[in-house]
Amino acid sequence: MVNIFRGKRMMPVCSWLKDQKVLTPEGSLEVFAREYRKYLQMFLLAEPREKTLQEAYDCLVRLMSEDIAEAGIILEIHNSALQDILNIRFDNEKVEWIYIKRANEFLAQAMVAMDVFVLALREDVRKDQLTQLANRLYLRQELTRLLASSREEGYPISVVMVDIDDFKVVNDVYGHDEGDRVLVALAQIMQESLREGDFVARWGGEEFVLILPKANYEKVRIPLERLRKEVWEKVKLPNGESVTLSMGVVVFPEEKVQSAEELVKLADLAMYEAKRRGKNCVVFYSEVKGGSEV
């Protein structure tokens, strides 16, 4: 293995990242490096290690991006963080540092294998296996990206929480196979009816989330009513009854939120108001926000 550190003194993580000019505008590599160091320190110096490792895994997977998913970058972050945590100088001749370097080389080899594995599974990891739509993880990444773009370029984004009405009854009366058929049929209709550039994901269970860039409260109403009507006409249960949808809509930046999670929460509140109003309708958060808080 080529030693990428030979002949140079290691430097703090953020300094190295800036020198390499690999920081994205949002600073995702810097954030990843900071969180990596935090969890590495916790894992080395604190208990319980198993819980820390699981928390670190969840956090780093969420922060992972194409700019970071390279063995060399992660190895540099790892070594720089380890040096900082243990206060080790690169030219220190302690035996412990030699063993750390050897362990790092092994880590790099394992990460090369991991890269191959991750690339092969990347699409599957982002997809809901039943509907083949994007899953919640991919949705959060995409919505975060679109929010940053919206702030920079000044266009609105509509986020819609879609819930199948009385879906539990479908599963209880007709079985889960019929429930799965309804989910797949709805996913297909949503994909076909939305504009190019719109984004649809399965949030979980019978809930889906739509992202419609450059659509405000006025512009989003027409495609959503069209979607609601199309599902009512095309998706039927074995007894001939139509499947209906309740939808809640929130628009950024008209609603002043700071994160993708807050935006989805407001869309969810509007969707529950649609349920309260009798289901099979579209409700905008602007209509109900007086009684709700993020």
C-alpha atoms as a PDB file:
ATOM      1  CA  MET A   1       0.000   0.000   0.000  1.00  0.00           C
ATOM      2  CA  VAL A   2       1.179   3.517  -0.796  1.00  0.00           C
ATOM      3  CA  ASN A   3       1.751   5.568   2.330  1.00  0.00           C
ATOM      4  CA  ILE A   4       0.004   8.865   1.530  1.00  0.00           C
ATOM      5  CA  PHE A   5       1.426  10.451   4.696  1.00  0.00           C
ATOM      6  CA  ARG A   6       5.143   9.693   4.106  1.00  0.00           C
ATOM      7  CA  GLY A   7       7.372  12.729   4.367  1.00  0.00           C
ATOM      8  CA  LYS A   8       4.803  15.225   5.659  1.00  0.00           C
ATOM      9  CA  ARG A   9       3.552  16.404   9.038  1.00  0.00           C
ATOM     10  CA  MET A  10      -0.108  15.839   9.685  1.00  0.00           C
ATOM     11  CA  MET A  11      -2.246  18.946  10.179  1.00  0.00           C
ATOM     12  CA  PRO A  12      -5.655  19.645  11.752  1.00  0.00           C
ATOM     13  CA  VAL A  13      -8.593  18.204   9.796  1.00  0.00           C
ATOM     14  CA  CYS A  14     -10.165  21.494   8.690  1.00  0.00           C
ATOM     15  CA  SER A  15      -6.806  22.927   7.605  1.00  0.00           C
ATOM     16  CA  TRP A  16      -6.140  19.883   5.444  1.00  0.00           C
ATOM     17  CA  LEU A  17      -9.610  20.037   3.902  1.00  0.00           C
ATOM     18  CA  LYS A  18      -9.214  23.711   3.032  1.00  0.00           C
ATOM     19  CA  ASP A  19      -5.751  23.107   1.551  1.00  0.00           C
ATOM     20  CA  GLN A  20      -7.192  20.359  -0.635  1.00  0.00           C
ATOM     21  CA  LYS A  21     -10.026  22.714  -1.735  1.00  0.00           C
ATOM     22  CA  VAL A  22     -12.602  19.994  -1.279  1.00  0.00           C
ATOM     23  CA  LEU A  23     -14.995  21.812   1.056  1.00  0.00           C
ATOM     24  CA  THR A  24     -18.446  22.177  -0.472  1.00  0.00           C
ATOM     25  CA  PRO A  25     -20.378  25.476  -0.114  1.00  0.00           C
ATOM     26  CA  GLU A  26     -22.376  23.968   2.737  1.00  0.00           C
ATOM     27  CA  GLY A  27     -19.162  22.768   4.440  1.00  0.00           C
ATOM     28  CA  SER A  28     -20.320  19.140   4.446  1.00  0.00           C
ATOM     29  CA  LEU A  29     -16.778  17.751   4.689  1.00  0.00           C
ATOM     30  CA  GLU A  30     -15.955  20.057   7.574  1.00  0.00           C
ATOM     31  CA  VAL A  31     -19.124  18.981   9.390  1.00  0.00           C
ATOM     32  CA  PHE A  32     -18.361  15.317   8.696  1.00  0.00           C
ATOM     33  CA  ALA A  33     -14.787  15.727  10.021  1.00  0.00           C
ATOM     34  CA  ARG A  34     -16.004  17.472  13.180  1.00  0.00           C
ATOM     35  CA  GLU A  35     -18.583  14.766  13.913  1.00  0.00           C
ATOM     36  CA  TYR A  36     -16.078  12.017  13.093  1.00  0.00           C
ATOM     37  CA  ARG A  37     -13.633  13.462  15.619  1.00  0.00           C
ATOM     38  CA  LYS A  38     -16.331  13.827  18.275  1.00  0.00           C
ATOM     39  CA  TYR A  39     -17.466  10.221  18.021  1.00  0.00           C
ATOM     40  CA  LEU A  40     -13.921   8.867  17.712  1.00  0.00           C
ATOM     41  CA  GLN A  41     -12.990  10.635  20.942  1.00  0.00           C
ATOM     42  CA  MET A  42     -16.085   9.273  22.663  1.00  0.00           C
ATOM     43  CA  PHE A  43     -15.325   5.769  21.424  1.00  0.00           C
ATOM     44  CA  LEU A  44     -11.696   5.864  22.561  1.00  0.00           C
ATOM     45  CA  LEU A  45     -12.159   7.526  25.918  1.00  0.00           C
ATOM     46  CA  ALA A  46     -15.707   6.939  27.145  1.00  0.00           C
ATOM     47  CA  GLU A  47     -18.248   4.208  27.840  1.00  0.00           C
ATOM     48  CA  PRO A  48     -20.481   2.594  26.671  1.00  0.00           C
ATOM     49  CA  ARG A  49     -18.608   2.008  23.409  1.00  0.00           C
ATOM     50  CA  GLU A  50     -21.282  -0.072  21.696  1.00  0.00           C
ATOM     51  CA  LYS A  51     -23.879   2.693  21.984  1.00  0.00           C
ATOM     52  CA  THR A  52     -21.365   5.300  20.822  1.00  0.00           C
ATOM     53  CA  LEU A  53     -20.485   3.185  17.798  1.00  0.00           C
ATOM     54  CA  GLN A  54     -24.132   2.877  16.784  1.00  0.00           C
ATOM     55  CA  GLU A  55     -24.726   6.611  17.214  1.00  0.00           C
ATOM     56  CA  ALA A  56     -21.597   7.365  15.210  1.00  0.00           C
ATOM     57  CA  TYR A  57     -22.718   5.050  12.430  1.00  0.00           C
ATOM     58  CA  ASP A  58     -26.155   6.695  12.216  1.00  0.00           C
ATOM     59  CA  CYS A  59     -24.647  10.188  12.188  1.00  0.00           C
ATOM     60  CA  LEU A  60     -21.883   9.519   9.644  1.00  0.00           C
ATOM     61  CA  VAL A  61     -24.203   7.693   7.246  1.00  0.00           C
ATOM     62  CA  ARG A  62     -26.531  10.697   7.335  1.00  0.00           C
ATOM     63  CA  LEU A  63     -23.654  13.106   6.624  1.00  0.00           C
ATOM     64  CA  MET A  64     -22.034  10.975   3.930  1.00  0.00           C
ATOM     65  CA  SER A  65     -21.927  12.423   0.414  1.00  0.00           C
ATOM     66  CA  GLU A  66     -20.138  11.796  -2.869  1.00  0.00           C
ATOM     67  CA  ASP A  67     -17.410  14.269  -1.854  1.00  0.00           C
ATOM     68  CA  ILE A  68     -16.642  12.277   1.289  1.00  0.00           C
ATOM     69  CA  ALA A  69     -17.085   8.641   0.215  1.00  0.00           C
ATOM     70  CA  GLU A  70     -13.452   8.081  -0.724  1.00  0.00           C
ATOM     71  CA  ALA A  71     -11.057   5.971   1.311  1.00  0.00           C
ATOM     72  CA  GLY A  72      -8.230   8.510   1.142  1.00  0.00           C
ATOM     73  CA  ILE A  73     -10.348  11.377   2.458  1.00  0.00           C
ATOM     74  CA  ILE A  74     -11.830   9.373   5.310  1.00  0.00           C
ATOM     75  CA  LEU A  75      -8.397   7.981   6.216  1.00  0.00           C
ATOM     76  CA  GLU A  76      -6.930  11.492   6.359  1.00  0.00           C
ATOM     77  CA  ILE A  77      -9.821  12.637   8.556  1.00  0.00           C
ATOM     78  CA  HIS A  78      -9.327   9.588  10.790  1.00  0.00           C
ATOM     79  CA  ASN A  79      -5.561  10.080  11.230  1.00  0.00           C
ATOM     80  CA  SER A  80      -5.790  13.800  11.809  1.00  0.00           C
ATOM     81  CA  ALA A  81      -8.568  13.357  14.371  1.00  0.00           C
ATOM     82  CA  LEU A  82      -6.645  10.576  16.116  1.00  0.00           C
ATOM     83  CA  GLN A  83      -3.493  12.698  16.260  1.00  0.00           C
ATOM     84  CA  ASP A  84      -5.468  15.573  17.735  1.00  0.00           C
ATOM     85  CA  ILE A  85      -7.305  13.463  20.314  1.00  0.00           C
ATOM     86  CA  LEU A  86      -4.187  11.657  21.569  1.00  0.00           C
ATOM     87  CA  ASN A  87      -1.898  14.685  21.172  1.00  0.00           C
ATOM     88  CA  ILE A  88       0.560  12.696  19.037  1.00  0.00           C
ATOM     89  CA  ARG A  89       3.246  14.299  16.891  1.00  0.00           C
ATOM     90  CA  PHE A  90       3.851  12.675  13.521  1.00  0.00           C
ATOM     91  CA  ASP A  91       7.634  12.587  14.148  1.00  0.00           C
ATOM     92  CA  ASN A  92       7.227  11.019  17.594  1.00  0.00           C
ATOM     93  CA  GLU A  93       9.105   7.725  17.746  1.00  0.00           C
ATOM     94  CA  LYS A  94       6.812   6.088  20.284  1.00  0.00           C
ATOM     95  CA  VAL A  95       5.986   2.473  19.508  1.00  0.00           C
ATOM     96  CA  GLU A  96       2.296   3.225  20.032  1.00  0.00           C
ATOM     97  CA  TRP A  97       2.240   5.525  17.005  1.00  0.00           C
ATOM     98  CA  ILE A  98       3.723   2.790  14.806  1.00  0.00           C
ATOM     99  CA  TYR A  99       0.911   0.466  15.784  1.00  0.00           C
ATOM    100  CA  ILE A 100      -1.646   3.196  15.153  1.00  0.00           C
ATOM    101  CA  LYS A 101      -0.230   3.771  11.684  1.00  0.00           C
ATOM    102  CA  ARG A 102      -0.364   0.048  10.930  1.00  0.00           C
ATOM    103  CA  ALA A 103      -3.951  -0.079  12.127  1.00  0.00           C
ATOM    104  CA  ASN A 104      -4.760   2.835   9.857  1.00  0.00           C
ATOM    105  CA  GLU A 105      -3.276   1.060   6.858  1.00  0.00           C
ATOM    106  CA  PHE A 106      -5.480  -1.923   7.621  1.00  0.00           C
ATOM    107  CA  LEU A 107      -8.431   0.439   7.955  1.00  0.00           C
ATOM    108  CA  ALA A 108      -7.669   1.894   4.545  1.00  0.00           C
ATOM    109  CA  GLN A 109      -7.661  -1.559   2.975  1.00  0.00           C
ATOM    110  CA  ALA A 110     -10.989  -2.344   4.602  1.00  0.00           C
ATOM    111  CA  MET A 111     -12.381   0.950   3.377  1.00  0.00           C
ATOM    112  CA  VAL A 112     -11.400   0.175  -0.209  1.00  0.00           C
ATOM    113  CA  ALA A 113     -13.542  -2.940   0.047  1.00  0.00           C
ATOM    114  CA  MET A 114     -16.258  -0.884   1.692  1.00  0.00           C
ATOM    115  CA  ASP A 115     -16.210   1.610  -1.189  1.00  0.00           C
ATOM    116  CA  VAL A 116     -16.845  -1.169  -3.678  1.00  0.00           C
ATOM    117  CA  PHE A 117     -19.643  -2.548  -1.538  1.00  0.00           C
ATOM    118  CA  VAL A 118     -21.231   0.859  -0.969  1.00  0.00           C
ATOM    119  CA  LEU A 119     -21.167   1.709  -4.671  1.00  0.00           C
ATOM    120  CA  ALA A 120     -22.917  -1.567  -5.492  1.00  0.00           C
ATOM    121  CA  LEU A 121     -25.593  -0.980  -2.850  1.00  0.00           C
ATOM    122  CA  ARG A 122     -25.994   2.752  -3.215  1.00  0.00           C
ATOM    123  CA  GLU A 123     -29.128   2.681  -5.307  1.00  0.00           C
ATOM    124  CA  ASP A 124     -30.749  -0.003  -3.165  1.00  0.00           C
ATOM    125  CA  VAL A 125     -29.972   1.946   0.005  1.00  0.00           C
ATOM    126  CA  ARG A 126     -31.787   4.986  -1.390  1.00  0.00           C
ATOM    127  CA  LYS A 127     -34.860   3.100  -2.584  1.00  0.00           C
ATOM    128  CA  ASP A 128     -37.972   1.778  -0.952  1.00  0.00           C
ATOM    129  CA  GLN A 129     -37.955  -1.875  -1.964  1.00  0.00           C
ATOM    130  CA  LEU A 130     -41.711  -2.219  -2.463  1.00  0.00           C
ATOM    131  CA  THR A 131     -42.543   0.897  -4.478  1.00  0.00           C
ATOM    132  CA  GLN A 132     -39.067   1.577  -5.927  1.00  0.00           C
ATOM    133  CA  LEU A 133     -39.487   5.214  -4.919  1.00  0.00           C
ATOM    134  CA  ALA A 134     -36.877   7.130  -2.982  1.00  0.00           C
ATOM    135  CA  ASN A 135     -36.903   6.305   0.721  1.00  0.00           C
ATOM    136  CA  ARG A 136     -36.840   8.587   3.757  1.00  0.00           C
ATOM    137  CA  LEU A 137     -33.029   8.786   3.870  1.00  0.00           C
ATOM    138  CA  TYR A 138     -32.792   9.899   0.241  1.00  0.00           C
ATOM    139  CA  LEU A 139     -35.698  12.306   0.716  1.00  0.00           C
ATOM    140  CA  ARG A 140     -33.952  14.086   3.581  1.00  0.00           C
ATOM    141  CA  GLN A 141     -30.770  14.440   1.549  1.00  0.00           C
ATOM    142  CA  GLU A 142     -32.618  15.769  -1.506  1.00  0.00           C
ATOM    143  CA  LEU A 143     -34.821  18.157   0.466  1.00  0.00           C
ATOM    144  CA  THR A 144     -31.802  19.553   2.308  1.00  0.00           C
ATOM    145  CA  ARG A 145     -30.065  20.121  -1.023  1.00  0.00           C
ATOM    146  CA  LEU A 146     -33.125  21.796  -2.544  1.00  0.00           C
ATOM    147  CA  LEU A 147     -33.586  24.072   0.480  1.00  0.00           C
ATOM    148  CA  ALA A 148     -30.002  25.291   0.106  1.00  0.00           C
ATOM    149  CA  SER A 149     -30.605  25.902  -3.604  1.00  0.00           C
ATOM    150  CA  SER A 150     -33.880  27.688  -2.856  1.00  0.00           C
ATOM    151  CA  ARG A 151     -32.182  30.048  -0.411  1.00  0.00           C
ATOM    152  CA  GLU A 152     -29.443  30.815  -2.909  1.00  0.00           C
ATOM    153  CA  GLU A 153     -31.613  31.257  -6.009  1.00  0.00           C
ATOM    154  CA  GLY A 154     -34.793  32.571  -4.377  1.00  0.00           C
ATOM    155  CA  TYR A 155     -37.421  30.152  -5.687  1.00  0.00           C
ATOM    156  CA  PRO A 156     -40.203  28.516  -3.593  1.00  0.00           C
ATOM    157  CA  ILE A 157     -40.523  24.812  -2.766  1.00  0.00           C
ATOM    158  CA  SER A 158     -43.758  23.025  -1.942  1.00  0.00           C
ATOM    159  CA  VAL A 159     -43.555  19.980   0.316  1.00  0.00           C
ATOM    160  CA  VAL A 160     -46.595  17.705   0.434  1.00  0.00           C
ATOM    161  CA  MET A 161     -47.381  14.948   2.922  1.00  0.00           C
ATOM    162  CA  VAL A 162     -49.668  12.381   1.261  1.00  0.00           C
ATOM    163  CA  ASP A 163     -51.558   9.790   3.318  1.00  0.00           C
ATOM    164  CA  ILE A 164     -53.844   7.017   2.028  1.00  0.00           C
ATOM    165  CA  ASP A 165     -57.168   7.285   3.816  1.00  0.00           C
ATOM    166  CA  ASP A 166     -58.260   4.300   5.932  1.00  0.00           C
ATOM    167  CA  PHE A 167     -55.297   2.218   4.813  1.00  0.00           C
ATOM    168  CA  LYS A 168     -55.379   0.103   7.969  1.00  0.00           C
ATOM    169  CA  VAL A 169     -58.865  -1.043   6.974  1.00  0.00           C
ATOM    170  CA  VAL A 170     -57.533  -2.125   3.567  1.00  0.00           C
ATOM    171  CA  ASN A 171     -54.903  -4.315   5.228  1.00  0.00           C
ATOM    172  CA  ASP A 172     -57.308  -5.666   7.857  1.00  0.00           C
ATOM    173  CA  VAL A 173     -60.121  -6.530   5.425  1.00  0.00           C
ATOM    174  CA  TYR A 174     -58.259  -7.549   2.260  1.00  0.00           C
ATOM    175  CA  GLY A 175     -54.813  -8.493   3.551  1.00  0.00           C
ATOM    176  CA  HIS A 176     -51.352  -7.043   3.156  1.00  0.00           C
ATOM    177  CA  ASP A 177     -50.979  -8.201  -0.449  1.00  0.00           C
ATOM    178  CA  GLU A 178     -53.856  -5.935  -1.415  1.00  0.00           C
ATOM    179  CA  GLY A 179     -52.343  -3.153   0.671  1.00  0.00           C
ATOM    180  CA  ASP A 180     -49.052  -3.573  -1.164  1.00  0.00           C
ATOM    181  CA  ARG A 181     -50.868  -3.426  -4.510  1.00  0.00           C
ATOM    182  CA  VAL A 182     -52.460  -0.114  -3.534  1.00  0.00           C
ATOM    183  CA  LEU A 183     -49.100   1.321  -2.471  1.00  0.00           C
ATOM    184  CA  VAL A 184     -47.430   0.309  -5.739  1.00  0.00           C
ATOM    185  CA  ALA A 185     -50.322   1.659  -7.819  1.00  0.00           C
ATOM    186  CA  LEU A 186     -50.226   4.998  -6.010  1.00  0.00           C
ATOM    187  CA  ALA A 187     -46.453   5.242  -6.421  1.00  0.00           C
ATOM    188  CA  GLN A 188     -46.761   4.682 -10.160  1.00  0.00           C
ATOM    189  CA  ILE A 189     -49.488   7.312 -10.561  1.00  0.00           C
ATOM    190  CA  MET A 190     -47.508   9.883  -8.607  1.00  0.00           C
ATOM    191  CA  GLN A 191     -44.403   9.306 -10.697  1.00  0.00           C
ATOM    192  CA  GLU A 192     -46.353   9.619 -13.940  1.00  0.00           C
ATOM    193  CA  SER A 193     -48.450  12.641 -12.987  1.00  0.00           C
ATOM    194  CA  LEU A 194     -45.785  14.948 -11.561  1.00  0.00           C
ATOM    195  CA  ARG A 195     -43.535  17.294 -13.495  1.00  0.00           C
ATOM    196  CA  GLU A 196     -39.962  16.612 -14.485  1.00  0.00           C
ATOM    197  CA  GLY A 197     -37.850  17.824 -11.588  1.00  0.00           C
ATOM    198  CA  ASP A 198     -40.466  17.012  -8.948  1.00  0.00           C
ATOM    199  CA  PHE A 199     -39.461  14.442  -6.330  1.00  0.00           C
ATOM    200  CA  VAL A 200     -41.538  11.711  -4.714  1.00  0.00           C
ATOM    201  CA  ALA A 201     -40.560   9.424  -1.844  1.00  0.00           C
ATOM    202  CA  ARG A 202     -42.161   6.922   0.464  1.00  0.00           C
ATOM    203  CA  TRP A 203     -42.015   8.362   3.974  1.00  0.00           C
ATOM    204  CA  GLY A 204     -43.174   5.155   5.638  1.00  0.00           C
ATOM    205  CA  GLY A 205     -46.274   2.957   5.855  1.00  0.00           C
ATOM    206  CA  GLU A 206     -49.009   4.582   3.778  1.00  0.00           C
ATOM    207  CA  GLU A 207     -47.368   8.034   3.808  1.00  0.00           C
ATOM    208  CA  PHE A 208     -45.518   9.636   0.901  1.00  0.00           C
ATOM    209  CA  VAL A 209     -43.798  12.998   0.493  1.00  0.00           C
ATOM    210  CA  LEU A 210     -43.760  15.089  -2.660  1.00  0.00           C
ATOM    211  CA  ILE A 211     -41.306  17.923  -3.309  1.00  0.00           C
ATOM    212  CA  LEU A 212     -42.304  20.412  -6.003  1.00  0.00           C
ATOM    213  CA  PRO A 213     -39.593  23.022  -6.661  1.00  0.00           C
ATOM    214  CA  LYS A 214     -40.657  26.433  -7.985  1.00  0.00           C
ATOM    215  CA  ALA A 215     -44.275  25.897  -6.919  1.00  0.00           C
ATOM    216  CA  ASN A 216     -45.967  28.203  -4.423  1.00  0.00           C
ATOM    217  CA  TYR A 217     -49.349  27.751  -2.712  1.00  0.00           C
ATOM    218  CA  GLU A 218     -51.171  28.938  -5.809  1.00  0.00           C
ATOM    219  CA  LYS A 219     -49.310  26.818  -8.359  1.00  0.00           C
ATOM    220  CA  VAL A 220     -49.255  23.601  -6.357  1.00  0.00           C
ATOM    221  CA  ARG A 221     -53.026  23.287  -5.959  1.00  0.00           C
ATOM    222  CA  ILE A 222     -53.761  22.256  -9.564  1.00  0.00           C
ATOM    223  CA  PRO A 223     -51.358  19.257  -9.808  1.00  0.00           C
ATOM    224  CA  LEU A 224     -52.393  18.012  -6.360  1.00  0.00           C
ATOM    225  CA  GLU A 225     -56.096  18.128  -7.158  1.00  0.00           C
ATOM    226  CA  ARG A 226     -55.343  16.347 -10.425  1.00  0.00           C
ATOM    227  CA  LEU A 227     -53.419  13.663  -8.520  1.00  0.00           C
ATOM    228  CA  ARG A 228     -56.207  13.233  -5.950  1.00  0.00           C
ATOM    229  CA  LYS A 229     -58.818  12.828  -8.698  1.00  0.00           C
ATOM    230  CA  GLU A 230     -56.691  10.412 -10.725  1.00  0.00           C
ATOM    231  CA  VAL A 231     -56.122   8.136  -7.728  1.00  0.00           C
ATOM    232  CA  TRP A 232     -59.854   8.194  -6.925  1.00  0.00           C
ATOM    233  CA  GLU A 233     -60.665   7.154 -10.507  1.00  0.00           C
ATOM    234  CA  LYS A 234     -57.956   4.532 -11.075  1.00  0.00           C
ATOM    235  CA  VAL A 235     -57.179   2.819  -7.763  1.00  0.00           C
ATOM    236  CA  LYS A 236     -60.075   0.620  -6.698  1.00  0.00           C
ATOM    237  CA  LEU A 237     -60.468  -1.893  -3.886  1.00  0.00           C
ATOM    238  CA  PRO A 238     -61.922  -5.375  -4.518  1.00  0.00           C
ATOM    239  CA  ASN A 239     -65.370  -4.132  -3.448  1.00  0.00           C
ATOM    240  CA  GLY A 240     -65.238  -1.356  -6.039  1.00  0.00           C
ATOM    241  CA  GLU A 241     -64.623   1.482  -3.601  1.00  0.00           C
ATOM    242  CA  SER A 242     -62.099   4.127  -4.566  1.00  0.00           C
ATOM    243  CA  VAL A 243     -58.868   4.818  -2.719  1.00  0.00           C
ATOM    244  CA  THR A 244     -58.655   8.421  -1.520  1.00  0.00           C
ATOM    245  CA  LEU A 245     -55.851  10.658  -0.327  1.00  0.00           C
ATOM    246  CA  SER A 246     -55.446  13.312   2.346  1.00  0.00           C
ATOM    247  CA  MET A 247     -52.695  15.824   1.566  1.00  0.00           C
ATOM    248  CA  GLY A 248     -51.024  18.562   3.576  1.00  0.00           C
ATOM    249  CA  VAL A 249     -48.952  21.253   1.876  1.00  0.00           C
ATOM    250  CA  VAL A 250     -46.319  23.660   3.167  1.00  0.00           C
ATOM    251  CA  VAL A 251     -44.328  26.150   1.085  1.00  0.00           C
ATOM    252  CA  PHE A 252     -40.802  27.410   1.724  1.00  0.00           C
ATOM    253  CA  PRO A 253     -39.814  30.226   2.202  1.00  0.00           C
ATOM    254  CA  GLU A 254     -43.321  31.484   2.924  1.00  0.00           C
ATOM    255  CA  GLU A 255     -43.154  29.441   6.130  1.00  0.00           C
ATOM    256  CA  LYS A 256     -39.992  30.436   7.993  1.00  0.00           C
ATOM    257  CA  VAL A 257     -38.292  27.151   8.867  1.00  0.00           C
ATOM    258  CA  GLN A 258     -34.634  26.252   9.166  1.00  0.00           C
ATOM    259  CA  SER A 259     -34.485  22.589   8.208  1.00  0.00           C
ATOM    260  CA  ALA A 260     -35.951  19.834   6.063  1.00  0.00           C
ATOM    261  CA  GLU A 261     -37.298  18.125   9.190  1.00  0.00           C
ATOM    262  CA  GLU A 262     -39.282  21.207  10.216  1.00  0.00           C
ATOM    263  CA  LEU A 263     -40.757  21.543   6.743  1.00  0.00           C
ATOM    264  CA  VAL A 264     -41.944  17.924   6.683  1.00  0.00           C
ATOM    265  CA  LYS A 265     -43.420  18.349  10.168  1.00  0.00           C
ATOM    266  CA  LEU A 266     -45.530  21.308   9.012  1.00  0.00           C
ATOM    267  CA  ALA A 267     -46.749  19.380   5.964  1.00  0.00           C
ATOM    268  CA  ASP A 268     -47.694  16.549   8.323  1.00  0.00           C
ATOM    269  CA  LEU A 269     -49.724  18.929  10.512  1.00  0.00           C
ATOM    270  CA  ALA A 270     -51.609  20.172   7.454  1.00  0.00           C
ATOM    271  CA  MET A 271     -52.267  16.576   6.385  1.00  0.00           C
ATOM    272  CA  TYR A 272     -53.832  15.747   9.757  1.00  0.00           C
ATOM    273  CA  GLU A 273     -56.055  18.777   9.356  1.00  0.00           C
ATOM    274  CA  ALA A 274     -57.179  17.285   6.011  1.00  0.00           C
ATOM    275  CA  LYS A 275     -58.094  14.113   7.920  1.00  0.00           C
ATOM    276  CA  ARG A 276     -60.029  16.160  10.461  1.00  0.00           C
ATOM    277  CA  ARG A 277     -61.975  17.865   7.696  1.00  0.00           C
ATOM    278  CA  GLY A 278     -63.268  14.562   6.359  1.00  0.00           C
ATOM    279  CA  LYS A 279     -60.343  13.162   4.332  1.00  0.00           C
ATOM    280  CA  ASN A 280     -59.977  13.059   0.521  1.00  0.00           C
ATOM    281  CA  CYS A 281     -58.854  16.692   0.325  1.00  0.00           C
ATOM    282  CA  VAL A 282     -55.873  19.033   0.168  1.00  0.00           C
ATOM    283  CA  VAL A 283     -55.129  21.398   3.067  1.00  0.00           C
ATOM    284  CA  PHE A 284     -52.473  24.121   3.089  1.00  0.00           C
ATOM    285  CA  TYR A 285     -50.484  24.857   6.220  1.00  0.00           C
ATOM    286  CA  SER A 286     -51.188  28.568   5.715  1.00  0.00           C
ATOM    287  CA  GLU A 287     -54.828  27.781   6.561  1.00  0.00           C
ATOM    288  CA  VAL A 288     -54.083  26.143   9.905  1.00  0.00           C
ATOM    289  CA  LYS A 289     -50.805  27.605  11.183  1.00  0.00           C
ATOM    290  CA  GLY A 290     -52.515  29.905  13.657  1.00  0.00           C
ATOM    291  CA  GLY A 291     -53.006  27.002  16.045  1.00  0.00           C
ATOM    292  CA  SER A 292     -49.730  25.160  15.448  1.00  0.00           C
ATOM    293  CA  GLU A 293     -46.076  25.629  16.265  1.00  0.00           C
ATOM    294  CA  VAL A 294     -42.979  23.978  14.851  1.00  0.00           C
END
